[in-house]
Amino acid sequence: MAKDKEKNEAPASQEPKKEEPAFLEQYRKCYPTNKKFYVTSDNLVFLESEFKKAAAHQATLGSGELITY
């Protein structure tokens, strides 16, 4: 069971969430060709090509999750 729990607590997800935070609107305007944005638990935003950087940053935070929009 512990292994199943670890899978559910993955540090990053590449599947988009439905509801976006309001601050992402400005990123979508500035980066119209970018389809995914990764948002860390401290609300730092990474572009779709920066997944590894986003996951690494989220890992340093110690809690929360990386969310894809």
Protein backbone atom coordinates (compact mmCIF):
# COMPACT_ATOMS: atom_id res chain seq x y z
CA MET A 1 0.00 0.00 0.00
CA ALA A 2 2.85 2.39 0.72
CA LYS A 3 4.01 2.05 -2.86
CA ASP A 4 0.53 2.99 -4.11
CA LYS A 5 0.54 6.04 -1.85
CA GLU A 6 3.92 7.11 -3.21
CA LYS A 7 2.55 6.96 -6.74
CA ASN A 8 -0.35 9.23 -5.74
CA GLU A 9 2.04 11.78 -4.24
CA ALA A 10 4.11 12.31 -7.37
CA PRO A 11 6.09 15.56 -7.23
CA ALA A 12 4.85 16.64 -10.64
CA SER A 13 1.95 16.11 -12.96
CA GLN A 14 1.99 16.78 -16.68
CA GLU A 15 -1.79 16.44 -17.01
CA PRO A 16 -3.53 19.82 -17.28
CA LYS A 17 -5.93 20.92 -14.55
CA LYS A 18 -9.29 22.45 -15.52
CA GLU A 19 -9.51 25.64 -13.45
CA GLU A 20 -6.66 28.07 -13.87
CA PRO A 21 -5.53 30.71 -11.38
CA ALA A 22 -6.25 34.25 -12.57
CA PHE A 23 -2.57 35.17 -12.80
CA LEU A 24 -2.05 32.69 -15.66
CA GLU A 25 -4.07 34.90 -18.00
CA GLN A 26 -1.12 37.28 -18.40
CA TYR A 27 1.23 34.37 -19.15
CA ARG A 28 -1.12 33.06 -21.83
CA LYS A 29 -1.14 36.52 -23.45
CA CYS A 30 2.65 36.82 -23.35
CA TYR A 31 3.26 33.24 -24.53
CA PRO A 32 0.40 32.48 -26.96
CA THR A 33 2.08 29.41 -28.47
CA ASN A 34 2.83 27.81 -25.09
CA LYS A 35 0.19 25.15 -24.42
CA LYS A 36 1.16 24.08 -20.87
CA PHE A 37 2.25 26.04 -17.85
CA TYR A 38 3.72 24.40 -14.75
CA VAL A 39 2.91 26.16 -11.48
CA THR A 40 4.75 25.30 -8.29
CA SER A 41 3.20 25.47 -4.84
CA ASP A 42 4.84 28.89 -4.32
CA ASN A 43 3.13 30.07 -7.58
CA LEU A 44 6.29 30.20 -9.67
CA VAL A 45 5.34 29.64 -13.34
CA PHE A 46 7.38 27.58 -15.82
CA LEU A 47 6.77 27.16 -19.56
CA GLU A 48 6.02 23.79 -21.19
CA SER A 49 9.67 23.34 -22.22
CA GLU A 50 10.83 23.79 -18.60
CA PHE A 51 9.26 20.76 -16.93
CA LYS A 52 12.54 19.48 -15.45
CA LYS A 53 13.31 22.90 -13.98
CA ALA A 54 9.80 23.16 -12.55
CA ALA A 55 10.02 19.70 -10.98
CA ALA A 56 13.45 20.46 -9.52
CA HIS A 57 12.21 23.74 -8.02
CA GLN A 58 9.12 22.05 -6.56
CA ALA A 59 11.34 19.39 -4.97
CA THR A 60 13.25 22.11 -3.09
CA LEU A 61 10.04 23.44 -1.53
CA GLY A 62 9.45 20.35 0.59
CA SER A 63 5.66 20.35 0.34
CA GLY A 64 2.90 20.99 -2.16
CA GLU A 65 2.71 19.85 -5.73
CA LEU A 66 3.59 20.91 -9.24
CA ILE A 67 0.40 21.58 -11.17
CA THR A 68 0.00 21.68 -14.95
CA TYR A 69 -2.43 24.09 -16.61
